[in-house]
Each structure stands twice: as structure tokens, then as C-alpha cells.
Amino acid sequence: MAWLFRKRDQPRKVVTEGLWSKCDACREIVYRADVEKNVRTCPRCGIPFRLSARERLDLLLDPGSFEERDAGLRSQDPLGFKDNRGRYGDRLRIAREKTGVEEAVISGLGRIAGYPVVVGVFEFAFMGGSMASVVGGKITRAIELAARKRIPLLVVTCSGGARMQEGVLSLMQMAKTSAALKRLEDERVPYIVLLADPTTGGVTASFAMLGDIILAEPRALVGFAGPRVIQETIRRPLPEGFQRAEFLLEHGMVDRVVERKDLRDLLARLLAFFAESPEPSVP
């Protein structure tokens, strides 16, 4: 009842914390409710906000259909790596506490519009979505699961590339995942990739660009080395929009750039096309 006795000249406090978000693309301050209504996409410029892996799964999959696999796998510190940012083991622990996930990818089984799909979704907040030995192992296991069950595979990439703290063990995942995808191709099981911002480094140089169908979100950065590194190396200005999803679409590197609000419907149509029966079925 304290508000009854507030003095007339006392300013009223207006709570605005949490009501607004800043778009990293256009730098505009936007109303958070409008962002959520627009499927976590900026209402001013149309560029998607980054999603967590769990948010991505909620967006794409049928409610309650996700069954996680390999959830307990954790990266170790085989090299005893330490640099000016601390020990690798400590950074892993901090990343787990920060994100609530064990590694930079979540994988499992789910359904989209009733159609079964094996999914692997990256968590960028976990050390930049970097590809460690466990990440490569979980992606490989997801590929093998799709091959065994003859279910289409969907991988959503969002990664800074290979994790340097594991050295060659991380780089080996490029070959391991690529070899597993060749076996999936031999089984004639569809593989769909969705490139989110950013998808770079060893992830781009392996499974991210090997999809039968490669989709991308608007303005997603996709490439091996970053634009700044390339420009400094070749000492020439880069084309407008270089390494962005629309540039890759124009040059035949991706099949379609899809707005987030249309993603689920498009994936449902693709899965329906590849399904062995015309009706959604559970394996």
C-alpha cells in the first residue's frame, strides 16, 4: 500500500529492464515482445537473433518429440592445454555451468510435422560451438543412427570451427564425420544442413557443406577463414556481402536462404518428399 502515500512530486519508477533488445546487425534497440513474435528475428532489419540449441529444437521439432542421445559424453583435456585464458579443463567446466549442456552439440531423435528425423544442433554459447573430439563423435553417432534407422538427418551448424585446445584430435573430426557421411550416402538416406550464423573453420570444411540439401538463415556468415584474414592475405577488397548466405546462394554454394518463420514448414515439406510413406510415421 506504499503507493498510496507517494508524494506528488516524487518521480514514478518505470521498469524497462528486459523489455528491449539490441540487434547486433542493425544496432537498433527493438521491443523484445516484437522480436519474440517475429520468431526471434529483428523486426527492423529481418536478421535472426542467435538461438540456443534448446531454443532451436523447440522451434523446429514437434512438441515433446525430442529424444536426446549421447547426452552424457564429455570432452576431456588430453593435452593438458593451458594458455593465458586458463586451463582447458576449467573452461569446459565454466561452459557447462553457463549453458547447462555437456558439449557444443545436442543430438537425438525427433519429429517435424510427424515425420521422424535425426537431429544434431550446435550450441554456440559453449566455447563458440567449436568442434572437439566429443562434438565430432556425437555428429558421427547421429549420422550412424540415421543410417541404421533409415531416417533423414538434419544438422544445424553454428560454430567457430575446430577447437584448438584439442589439437589434431579436433582436426581428425573433419575426416571422421566426412567418412560417416559417405556411408550415409551409400545407404541413400537424405542429409539436410541448416547453416546458422556463424558457420566457419573446420565445420564448414567438413560436414556443413556436404548436405544433400543445404539451407541457410539470412545473412549467416559461412566460410573457412574469416573475411578479415582473407582480405589481409590477398591484399584486395572483398565483394559486397562476401561469405554471407545470400552471396553463397548466388554462387551456388547453398540451395536456399530461408527466413526463420518459414523453416519448419519447409523442413516438413522436404521430409514428406523423402518419406517412404505419404503419411507421417514413427519408426
C-alpha atoms as a PDB file:
ATOM      1  CA  MET A   1       0.000   0.000   0.000  1.00  0.00           C
ATOM      2  CA  ALA A   2       3.056   2.266  -0.062  1.00  0.00           C
ATOM      3  CA  TRP A   3       1.956   3.677  -3.421  1.00  0.00           C
ATOM      4  CA  LEU A   4      -0.970   5.414  -1.643  1.00  0.00           C
ATOM      5  CA  PHE A   5       1.432   7.650   0.250  1.00  0.00           C
ATOM      6  CA  ARG A   6       3.787   8.539  -2.619  1.00  0.00           C
ATOM      7  CA  LYS A   7       4.389  12.285  -2.736  1.00  0.00           C
ATOM      8  CA  ARG A   8       3.037  14.115  -5.761  1.00  0.00           C
ATOM      9  CA  ASP A   9       6.472  15.402  -6.744  1.00  0.00           C
ATOM     10  CA  GLN A  10       8.157  12.009  -6.371  1.00  0.00           C
ATOM     11  CA  PRO A  11       9.025  10.588  -9.844  1.00  0.00           C
ATOM     12  CA  ARG A  12       7.401   7.312 -10.753  1.00  0.00           C
ATOM     13  CA  LYS A  13       9.822   4.460 -11.446  1.00  0.00           C
ATOM     14  CA  VAL A  14       9.294   2.727 -14.768  1.00  0.00           C
ATOM     15  CA  VAL A  15      10.791  -0.740 -15.077  1.00  0.00           C
ATOM     16  CA  THR A  16      12.246  -1.287 -18.566  1.00  0.00           C
ATOM     17  CA  GLU A  17      14.847  -3.958 -17.838  1.00  0.00           C
ATOM     18  CA  GLY A  18      14.292  -6.965 -20.057  1.00  0.00           C
ATOM     19  CA  LEU A  19      11.770  -5.172 -22.287  1.00  0.00           C
ATOM     20  CA  TRP A  20      14.257  -4.227 -25.007  1.00  0.00           C
ATOM     21  CA  SER A  21      16.929  -5.963 -27.066  1.00  0.00           C
ATOM     22  CA  LYS A  22      19.721  -4.623 -29.259  1.00  0.00           C
ATOM     23  CA  CYS A  23      20.094  -6.090 -32.733  1.00  0.00           C
ATOM     24  CA  ASP A  24      23.745  -6.878 -33.483  1.00  0.00           C
ATOM     25  CA  ALA A  25      23.116  -6.441 -37.216  1.00  0.00           C
ATOM     26  CA  CYS A  26      21.377  -3.056 -37.497  1.00  0.00           C
ATOM     27  CA  ARG A  27      22.313  -1.857 -33.971  1.00  0.00           C
ATOM     28  CA  GLU A  28      18.734  -0.757 -33.340  1.00  0.00           C
ATOM     29  CA  ILE A  29      17.029  -1.094 -29.961  1.00  0.00           C
ATOM     30  CA  VAL A  30      13.886  -3.168 -30.504  1.00  0.00           C
ATOM     31  CA  TYR A  31      10.983  -4.202 -28.326  1.00  0.00           C
ATOM     32  CA  ARG A  32      11.623  -7.737 -27.053  1.00  0.00           C
ATOM     33  CA  ALA A  33       7.977  -8.771 -27.471  1.00  0.00           C
ATOM     34  CA  ASP A  34       8.181  -7.853 -31.172  1.00  0.00           C
ATOM     35  CA  VAL A  35      11.354  -9.937 -31.508  1.00  0.00           C
ATOM     36  CA  GLU A  36       9.675 -12.963 -29.932  1.00  0.00           C
ATOM     37  CA  LYS A  37       6.544 -12.503 -32.036  1.00  0.00           C
ATOM     38  CA  ASN A  38       8.784 -12.428 -35.115  1.00  0.00           C
ATOM     39  CA  VAL A  39      10.379 -15.819 -34.217  1.00  0.00           C
ATOM     40  CA  ARG A  40      13.472 -14.234 -32.632  1.00  0.00           C
ATOM     41  CA  THR A  41      14.114 -12.109 -35.710  1.00  0.00           C
ATOM     42  CA  CYS A  42      14.747  -8.366 -35.709  1.00  0.00           C
ATOM     43  CA  PRO A  43      11.559  -6.561 -36.819  1.00  0.00           C
ATOM     44  CA  ARG A  44      13.643  -3.701 -38.235  1.00  0.00           C
ATOM     45  CA  CYS A  45      16.227  -5.428 -40.451  1.00  0.00           C
ATOM     46  CA  GLY A  46      14.948  -9.016 -40.637  1.00  0.00           C
ATOM     47  CA  ILE A  47      18.187 -10.577 -39.384  1.00  0.00           C
ATOM     48  CA  PRO A  48      17.677 -13.504 -36.974  1.00  0.00           C
ATOM     49  CA  PHE A  49      18.883 -13.330 -33.388  1.00  0.00           C
ATOM     50  CA  ARG A  50      21.098 -16.225 -32.326  1.00  0.00           C
ATOM     51  CA  LEU A  51      19.250 -19.154 -30.730  1.00  0.00           C
ATOM     52  CA  SER A  52      20.477 -21.624 -28.157  1.00  0.00           C
ATOM     53  CA  ALA A  53      20.441 -25.293 -29.118  1.00  0.00           C
ATOM     54  CA  ARG A  54      17.391 -25.938 -26.923  1.00  0.00           C
ATOM     55  CA  GLU A  55      15.542 -22.971 -28.421  1.00  0.00           C
ATOM     56  CA  ARG A  56      16.353 -24.275 -31.888  1.00  0.00           C
ATOM     57  CA  LEU A  57      14.978 -27.713 -31.056  1.00  0.00           C
ATOM     58  CA  ASP A  58      11.789 -26.152 -29.652  1.00  0.00           C
ATOM     59  CA  LEU A  59      11.403 -24.076 -32.809  1.00  0.00           C
ATOM     60  CA  LEU A  60      11.827 -26.914 -35.312  1.00  0.00           C
ATOM     61  CA  LEU A  61      10.554 -30.098 -33.670  1.00  0.00           C
ATOM     62  CA  ASP A  62       7.074 -31.231 -32.709  1.00  0.00           C
ATOM     63  CA  PRO A  63       6.420 -30.535 -29.001  1.00  0.00           C
ATOM     64  CA  GLY A  64       7.556 -33.390 -26.774  1.00  0.00           C
ATOM     65  CA  SER A  65       9.029 -35.396 -29.643  1.00  0.00           C
ATOM     66  CA  PHE A  66      12.743 -34.919 -28.923  1.00  0.00           C
ATOM     67  CA  GLU A  67      14.645 -37.894 -27.509  1.00  0.00           C
ATOM     68  CA  GLU A  68      18.238 -36.921 -26.742  1.00  0.00           C
ATOM     69  CA  ARG A  69      21.068 -39.346 -27.443  1.00  0.00           C
ATOM     70  CA  ASP A  70      24.671 -39.423 -26.161  1.00  0.00           C
ATOM     71  CA  ALA A  71      23.826 -36.748 -23.582  1.00  0.00           C
ATOM     72  CA  GLY A  72      26.496 -37.818 -21.094  1.00  0.00           C
ATOM     73  CA  LEU A  73      29.523 -37.571 -23.402  1.00  0.00           C
ATOM     74  CA  ARG A  74      32.072 -35.038 -22.161  1.00  0.00           C
ATOM     75  CA  SER A  75      35.312 -33.683 -23.566  1.00  0.00           C
ATOM     76  CA  GLN A  76      38.471 -34.336 -21.574  1.00  0.00           C
ATOM     77  CA  ASP A  77      41.795 -32.491 -21.590  1.00  0.00           C
ATOM     78  CA  PRO A  78      44.117 -34.945 -23.362  1.00  0.00           C
ATOM     79  CA  LEU A  79      46.852 -32.355 -23.998  1.00  0.00           C
ATOM     80  CA  GLY A  80      46.760 -30.657 -20.592  1.00  0.00           C
ATOM     81  CA  PHE A  81      46.204 -27.441 -22.533  1.00  0.00           C
ATOM     82  CA  LYS A  82      46.768 -24.089 -20.845  1.00  0.00           C
ATOM     83  CA  ASP A  83      47.099 -20.581 -22.232  1.00  0.00           C
ATOM     84  CA  ASN A  84      46.655 -17.018 -20.995  1.00  0.00           C
ATOM     85  CA  ARG A  85      42.906 -17.673 -20.632  1.00  0.00           C
ATOM     86  CA  GLY A  86      43.470 -20.558 -18.238  1.00  0.00           C
ATOM     87  CA  ARG A  87      43.279 -24.334 -18.298  1.00  0.00           C
ATOM     88  CA  TYR A  88      41.134 -26.067 -20.861  1.00  0.00           C
ATOM     89  CA  GLY A  89      39.510 -28.242 -18.199  1.00  0.00           C
ATOM     90  CA  ASP A  90      38.414 -25.139 -16.279  1.00  0.00           C
ATOM     91  CA  ARG A  91      36.979 -23.547 -19.416  1.00  0.00           C
ATOM     92  CA  LEU A  92      34.981 -26.707 -20.117  1.00  0.00           C
ATOM     93  CA  ARG A  93      33.549 -26.619 -16.607  1.00  0.00           C
ATOM     94  CA  ILE A  94      32.609 -22.938 -16.942  1.00  0.00           C
ATOM     95  CA  ALA A  95      30.986 -23.569 -20.326  1.00  0.00           C
ATOM     96  CA  ARG A  96      28.872 -26.395 -18.869  1.00  0.00           C
ATOM     97  CA  GLU A  97      27.739 -24.208 -15.997  1.00  0.00           C
ATOM     98  CA  LYS A  98      26.972 -21.297 -18.301  1.00  0.00           C
ATOM     99  CA  THR A  99      24.976 -23.209 -20.916  1.00  0.00           C
ATOM    100  CA  GLY A 100      23.522 -26.153 -18.994  1.00  0.00           C
ATOM    101  CA  VAL A 101      24.708 -28.579 -21.697  1.00  0.00           C
ATOM    102  CA  GLU A 102      27.624 -31.030 -21.672  1.00  0.00           C
ATOM    103  CA  GLU A 103      29.094 -30.103 -25.056  1.00  0.00           C
ATOM    104  CA  ALA A 104      28.720 -27.813 -28.058  1.00  0.00           C
ATOM    105  CA  VAL A 105      26.202 -30.045 -29.832  1.00  0.00           C
ATOM    106  CA  ILE A 106      22.936 -31.711 -28.805  1.00  0.00           C
ATOM    107  CA  SER A 107      21.797 -34.720 -30.816  1.00  0.00           C
ATOM    108  CA  GLY A 108      18.923 -37.157 -30.843  1.00  0.00           C
ATOM    109  CA  LEU A 109      15.656 -38.218 -32.460  1.00  0.00           C
ATOM    110  CA  GLY A 110      12.620 -36.053 -33.071  1.00  0.00           C
ATOM    111  CA  ARG A 111       9.752 -35.345 -35.410  1.00  0.00           C
ATOM    112  CA  ILE A 112       8.782 -32.469 -37.676  1.00  0.00           C
ATOM    113  CA  ALA A 113       5.101 -32.446 -38.640  1.00  0.00           C
ATOM    114  CA  GLY A 114       5.031 -36.093 -37.587  1.00  0.00           C
ATOM    115  CA  TYR A 115       7.926 -37.152 -39.802  1.00  0.00           C
ATOM    116  CA  PRO A 116      10.885 -38.736 -37.950  1.00  0.00           C
ATOM    117  CA  VAL A 117      14.260 -37.059 -38.153  1.00  0.00           C
ATOM    118  CA  VAL A 118      17.689 -37.456 -36.535  1.00  0.00           C
ATOM    119  CA  VAL A 119      18.954 -34.052 -35.425  1.00  0.00           C
ATOM    120  CA  GLY A 120      22.233 -32.503 -34.346  1.00  0.00           C
ATOM    121  CA  VAL A 121      22.098 -28.865 -33.204  1.00  0.00           C
ATOM    122  CA  PHE A 122      25.060 -26.700 -32.229  1.00  0.00           C
ATOM    123  CA  GLU A 123      25.249 -24.567 -29.077  1.00  0.00           C
ATOM    124  CA  PHE A 124      27.359 -21.506 -29.921  1.00  0.00           C
ATOM    125  CA  ALA A 125      27.460 -20.346 -26.300  1.00  0.00           C
ATOM    126  CA  PHE A 126      29.571 -23.438 -25.487  1.00  0.00           C
ATOM    127  CA  MET A 127      33.059 -22.238 -26.459  1.00  0.00           C
ATOM    128  CA  GLY A 128      31.847 -20.749 -29.714  1.00  0.00           C
ATOM    129  CA  GLY A 129      30.282 -24.012 -30.858  1.00  0.00           C
ATOM    130  CA  SER A 130      33.793 -25.274 -31.530  1.00  0.00           C
ATOM    131  CA  MET A 131      34.285 -28.816 -32.818  1.00  0.00           C
ATOM    132  CA  ALA A 132      36.055 -31.003 -30.280  1.00  0.00           C
ATOM    133  CA  SER A 133      36.502 -34.773 -30.312  1.00  0.00           C
ATOM    134  CA  VAL A 134      33.189 -35.286 -28.496  1.00  0.00           C
ATOM    135  CA  VAL A 135      31.384 -32.940 -30.893  1.00  0.00           C
ATOM    136  CA  GLY A 136      32.704 -34.889 -33.863  1.00  0.00           C
ATOM    137  CA  GLY A 137      31.841 -38.126 -32.093  1.00  0.00           C
ATOM    138  CA  LYS A 138      28.250 -37.051 -31.441  1.00  0.00           C
ATOM    139  CA  ILE A 139      27.773 -35.896 -35.028  1.00  0.00           C
ATOM    140  CA  THR A 140      29.213 -39.208 -36.269  1.00  0.00           C
ATOM    141  CA  ARG A 141      26.902 -41.173 -33.981  1.00  0.00           C
ATOM    142  CA  ALA A 142      23.937 -39.159 -35.238  1.00  0.00           C
ATOM    143  CA  ILE A 143      24.941 -39.981 -38.821  1.00  0.00           C
ATOM    144  CA  GLU A 144      25.215 -43.677 -37.959  1.00  0.00           C
ATOM    145  CA  LEU A 145      21.841 -43.586 -36.177  1.00  0.00           C
ATOM    146  CA  ALA A 146      20.227 -42.073 -39.269  1.00  0.00           C
ATOM    147  CA  ALA A 147      21.788 -44.798 -41.416  1.00  0.00           C
ATOM    148  CA  ARG A 148      20.607 -47.614 -39.126  1.00  0.00           C
ATOM    149  CA  LYS A 149      17.050 -46.352 -38.839  1.00  0.00           C
ATOM    150  CA  ARG A 150      16.938 -45.025 -42.403  1.00  0.00           C
ATOM    151  CA  ILE A 151      15.685 -41.672 -41.125  1.00  0.00           C
ATOM    152  CA  PRO A 152      16.699 -38.306 -42.682  1.00  0.00           C
ATOM    153  CA  LEU A 153      19.435 -36.427 -40.854  1.00  0.00           C
ATOM    154  CA  LEU A 154      19.216 -32.703 -40.029  1.00  0.00           C
ATOM    155  CA  VAL A 155      22.251 -30.831 -38.677  1.00  0.00           C
ATOM    156  CA  VAL A 156      22.034 -27.160 -37.653  1.00  0.00           C
ATOM    157  CA  THR A 157      25.522 -25.655 -37.626  1.00  0.00           C
ATOM    158  CA  CYS A 158      26.642 -22.628 -35.621  1.00  0.00           C
ATOM    159  CA  SER A 159      30.360 -22.874 -34.964  1.00  0.00           C
ATOM    160  CA  GLY A 160      33.667 -21.044 -34.975  1.00  0.00           C
ATOM    161  CA  GLY A 161      35.454 -24.162 -36.229  1.00  0.00           C
ATOM    162  CA  ALA A 162      37.799 -26.751 -34.747  1.00  0.00           C
ATOM    163  CA  ARG A 163      38.700 -26.436 -31.046  1.00  0.00           C
ATOM    164  CA  MET A 164      42.412 -25.667 -30.842  1.00  0.00           C
ATOM    165  CA  GLN A 165      42.680 -26.919 -27.244  1.00  0.00           C
ATOM    166  CA  GLU A 166      42.457 -30.493 -28.542  1.00  0.00           C
ATOM    167  CA  GLY A 167      44.875 -30.036 -31.409  1.00  0.00           C
ATOM    168  CA  VAL A 168      44.925 -32.777 -34.038  1.00  0.00           C
ATOM    169  CA  LEU A 169      42.230 -34.716 -32.144  1.00  0.00           C
ATOM    170  CA  SER A 170      39.843 -31.945 -33.108  1.00  0.00           C
ATOM    171  CA  LEU A 171      41.022 -31.775 -36.713  1.00  0.00           C
ATOM    172  CA  MET A 172      40.525 -35.537 -37.049  1.00  0.00           C
ATOM    173  CA  GLN A 173      36.775 -34.992 -36.671  1.00  0.00           C
ATOM    174  CA  MET A 174      36.671 -33.436 -40.135  1.00  0.00           C
ATOM    175  CA  ALA A 175      37.719 -36.724 -41.730  1.00  0.00           C
ATOM    176  CA  LYS A 176      35.663 -38.870 -39.354  1.00  0.00           C
ATOM    177  CA  THR A 177      32.383 -37.047 -39.973  1.00  0.00           C
ATOM    178  CA  SER A 178      33.006 -36.859 -43.733  1.00  0.00           C
ATOM    179  CA  ALA A 179      33.662 -40.605 -43.927  1.00  0.00           C
ATOM    180  CA  ALA A 180      30.478 -41.306 -41.944  1.00  0.00           C
ATOM    181  CA  LEU A 181      28.503 -39.137 -44.371  1.00  0.00           C
ATOM    182  CA  LYS A 182      29.857 -41.141 -47.304  1.00  0.00           C
ATOM    183  CA  ARG A 183      28.426 -44.269 -45.678  1.00  0.00           C
ATOM    184  CA  LEU A 184      25.120 -42.451 -45.161  1.00  0.00           C
ATOM    185  CA  GLU A 185      25.121 -41.509 -48.845  1.00  0.00           C
ATOM    186  CA  ASP A 186      25.743 -45.151 -49.777  1.00  0.00           C
ATOM    187  CA  GLU A 187      22.623 -46.045 -47.759  1.00  0.00           C
ATOM    188  CA  ARG A 188      20.710 -43.398 -49.737  1.00  0.00           C
ATOM    189  CA  VAL A 189      19.500 -41.628 -46.591  1.00  0.00           C
ATOM    190  CA  PRO A 190      18.883 -37.851 -47.029  1.00  0.00           C
ATOM    191  CA  TYR A 191      21.079 -35.357 -45.203  1.00  0.00           C
ATOM    192  CA  ILE A 192      19.850 -31.777 -44.692  1.00  0.00           C
ATOM    193  CA  VAL A 193      22.016 -28.961 -43.324  1.00  0.00           C
ATOM    194  CA  LEU A 194      20.890 -25.619 -41.946  1.00  0.00           C
ATOM    195  CA  LEU A 195      23.709 -23.077 -41.777  1.00  0.00           C
ATOM    196  CA  ALA A 196      23.235 -20.564 -38.958  1.00  0.00           C
ATOM    197  CA  ASP A 197      25.437 -17.585 -38.163  1.00  0.00           C
ATOM    198  CA  PRO A 198      28.349 -18.211 -37.957  1.00  0.00           C
ATOM    199  CA  THR A 199      29.468 -21.452 -39.612  1.00  0.00           C
ATOM    200  CA  THR A 200      33.223 -21.343 -40.125  1.00  0.00           C
ATOM    201  CA  GLY A 201      36.517 -23.217 -39.981  1.00  0.00           C
ATOM    202  CA  GLY A 202      36.700 -26.992 -39.844  1.00  0.00           C
ATOM    203  CA  VAL A 203      32.930 -27.381 -39.540  1.00  0.00           C
ATOM    204  CA  THR A 204      32.480 -25.619 -42.883  1.00  0.00           C
ATOM    205  CA  ALA A 205      35.347 -27.629 -44.376  1.00  0.00           C
ATOM    206  CA  SER A 206      33.663 -30.931 -43.493  1.00  0.00           C
ATOM    207  CA  PHE A 207      30.078 -31.936 -42.743  1.00  0.00           C
ATOM    208  CA  ALA A 208      28.476 -28.474 -43.004  1.00  0.00           C
ATOM    209  CA  MET A 209      28.919 -28.303 -46.780  1.00  0.00           C
ATOM    210  CA  LEU A 210      28.259 -31.974 -47.580  1.00  0.00           C
ATOM    211  CA  GLY A 211      24.480 -31.913 -47.296  1.00  0.00           C
ATOM    212  CA  ASP A 212      22.188 -33.218 -49.989  1.00  0.00           C
ATOM    213  CA  ILE A 213      20.195 -30.057 -49.308  1.00  0.00           C
ATOM    214  CA  ILE A 214      21.954 -27.032 -47.814  1.00  0.00           C
ATOM    215  CA  LEU A 215      19.795 -24.284 -46.323  1.00  0.00           C
ATOM    216  CA  ALA A 216      20.954 -21.080 -44.652  1.00  0.00           C
ATOM    217  CA  GLU A 217      19.440 -18.388 -42.473  1.00  0.00           C
ATOM    218  CA  PRO A 218      19.523 -14.802 -43.790  1.00  0.00           C
ATOM    219  CA  ARG A 219      22.915 -13.065 -43.574  1.00  0.00           C
ATOM    220  CA  ALA A 220      24.581 -16.089 -41.957  1.00  0.00           C
ATOM    221  CA  LEU A 221      28.381 -15.892 -42.141  1.00  0.00           C
ATOM    222  CA  VAL A 222      29.684 -19.061 -43.813  1.00  0.00           C
ATOM    223  CA  GLY A 223      33.294 -19.703 -44.718  1.00  0.00           C
ATOM    224  CA  PHE A 224      36.588 -21.333 -43.780  1.00  0.00           C
ATOM    225  CA  ALA A 225      38.783 -18.364 -42.872  1.00  0.00           C
ATOM    226  CA  GLY A 226      37.192 -15.070 -41.837  1.00  0.00           C
ATOM    227  CA  PRO A 227      36.803 -12.158 -44.262  1.00  0.00           C
ATOM    228  CA  ARG A 228      39.418 -10.072 -42.458  1.00  0.00           C
ATOM    229  CA  VAL A 229      42.041 -12.838 -42.683  1.00  0.00           C
ATOM    230  CA  ILE A 230      41.308 -13.381 -46.379  1.00  0.00           C
ATOM    231  CA  GLN A 231      41.482  -9.689 -47.200  1.00  0.00           C
ATOM    232  CA  GLU A 232      44.787  -9.292 -45.367  1.00  0.00           C
ATOM    233  CA  THR A 233      46.180 -12.324 -47.186  1.00  0.00           C
ATOM    234  CA  ILE A 234      45.198 -11.408 -50.749  1.00  0.00           C
ATOM    235  CA  ARG A 235      45.556  -7.648 -50.093  1.00  0.00           C
ATOM    236  CA  ARG A 236      42.464  -6.861 -52.121  1.00  0.00           C
ATOM    237  CA  PRO A 237      38.998  -5.612 -51.140  1.00  0.00           C
ATOM    238  CA  LEU A 238      36.342  -8.312 -50.944  1.00  0.00           C
ATOM    239  CA  PRO A 239      32.999  -8.209 -52.797  1.00  0.00           C
ATOM    240  CA  GLU A 240      29.974  -6.767 -51.034  1.00  0.00           C
ATOM    241  CA  GLY A 241      28.336  -9.359 -48.803  1.00  0.00           C
ATOM    242  CA  PHE A 242      31.250 -11.788 -49.190  1.00  0.00           C
ATOM    243  CA  GLN A 243      30.717 -15.074 -47.273  1.00  0.00           C
ATOM    244  CA  ARG A 244      27.155 -14.189 -46.341  1.00  0.00           C
ATOM    245  CA  ALA A 245      24.342 -16.641 -47.062  1.00  0.00           C
ATOM    246  CA  GLU A 246      22.921 -14.588 -49.937  1.00  0.00           C
ATOM    247  CA  PHE A 247      26.365 -14.400 -51.595  1.00  0.00           C
ATOM    248  CA  LEU A 248      26.736 -18.176 -51.301  1.00  0.00           C
ATOM    249  CA  LEU A 249      23.267 -18.717 -52.767  1.00  0.00           C
ATOM    250  CA  GLU A 250      24.137 -16.515 -55.746  1.00  0.00           C
ATOM    251  CA  HIS A 251      27.310 -18.561 -56.327  1.00  0.00           C
ATOM    252  CA  GLY A 252      25.685 -21.979 -55.992  1.00  0.00           C
ATOM    253  CA  MET A 253      27.052 -22.953 -52.578  1.00  0.00           C
ATOM    254  CA  VAL A 254      23.683 -23.210 -50.806  1.00  0.00           C
ATOM    255  CA  ASP A 255      20.297 -24.266 -52.127  1.00  0.00           C
ATOM    256  CA  ARG A 256      18.092 -21.747 -50.378  1.00  0.00           C
ATOM    257  CA  VAL A 257      18.161 -18.901 -47.869  1.00  0.00           C
ATOM    258  CA  VAL A 258      15.163 -19.342 -45.581  1.00  0.00           C
ATOM    259  CA  GLU A 259      13.586 -16.914 -43.151  1.00  0.00           C
ATOM    260  CA  ARG A 260      13.197 -18.410 -39.709  1.00  0.00           C
ATOM    261  CA  LYS A 261       9.400 -18.216 -39.743  1.00  0.00           C
ATOM    262  CA  ASP A 262       9.371 -20.453 -42.839  1.00  0.00           C
ATOM    263  CA  LEU A 263      11.937 -23.022 -41.692  1.00  0.00           C
ATOM    264  CA  ARG A 264       9.669 -25.555 -40.032  1.00  0.00           C
ATOM    265  CA  ASP A 265       7.179 -25.662 -42.921  1.00  0.00           C
ATOM    266  CA  LEU A 266       9.966 -26.068 -45.472  1.00  0.00           C
ATOM    267  CA  LEU A 267      11.594 -28.879 -43.491  1.00  0.00           C
ATOM    268  CA  ALA A 268       8.222 -30.609 -43.164  1.00  0.00           C
ATOM    269  CA  ARG A 269       7.771 -30.496 -46.942  1.00  0.00           C
ATOM    270  CA  LEU A 270      11.273 -31.854 -47.522  1.00  0.00           C
ATOM    271  CA  LEU A 271      10.763 -34.716 -45.058  1.00  0.00           C
ATOM    272  CA  ALA A 272       7.391 -35.506 -46.637  1.00  0.00           C
ATOM    273  CA  PHE A 273       9.074 -35.672 -50.044  1.00  0.00           C
ATOM    274  CA  PHE A 274      11.729 -38.109 -48.813  1.00  0.00           C
ATOM    275  CA  ALA A 275       9.374 -40.200 -46.644  1.00  0.00           C
ATOM    276  CA  GLU A 276       8.807 -43.803 -47.724  1.00  0.00           C
ATOM    277  CA  SER A 277       5.065 -43.462 -46.991  1.00  0.00           C
ATOM    278  CA  PRO A 278       2.779 -40.484 -47.705  1.00  0.00           C
ATOM    279  CA  GLU A 279       1.643 -40.270 -44.077  1.00  0.00           C
ATOM    280  CA  PRO A 280       3.781 -39.263 -41.079  1.00  0.00           C
ATOM    281  CA  SER A 281       5.029 -42.361 -39.309  1.00  0.00           C
ATOM    282  CA  VAL A 282       7.059 -43.219 -36.224  1.00  0.00           C
ATOM    283  CA  PRO A 283       9.971 -45.654 -36.766  1.00  0.00           C
END
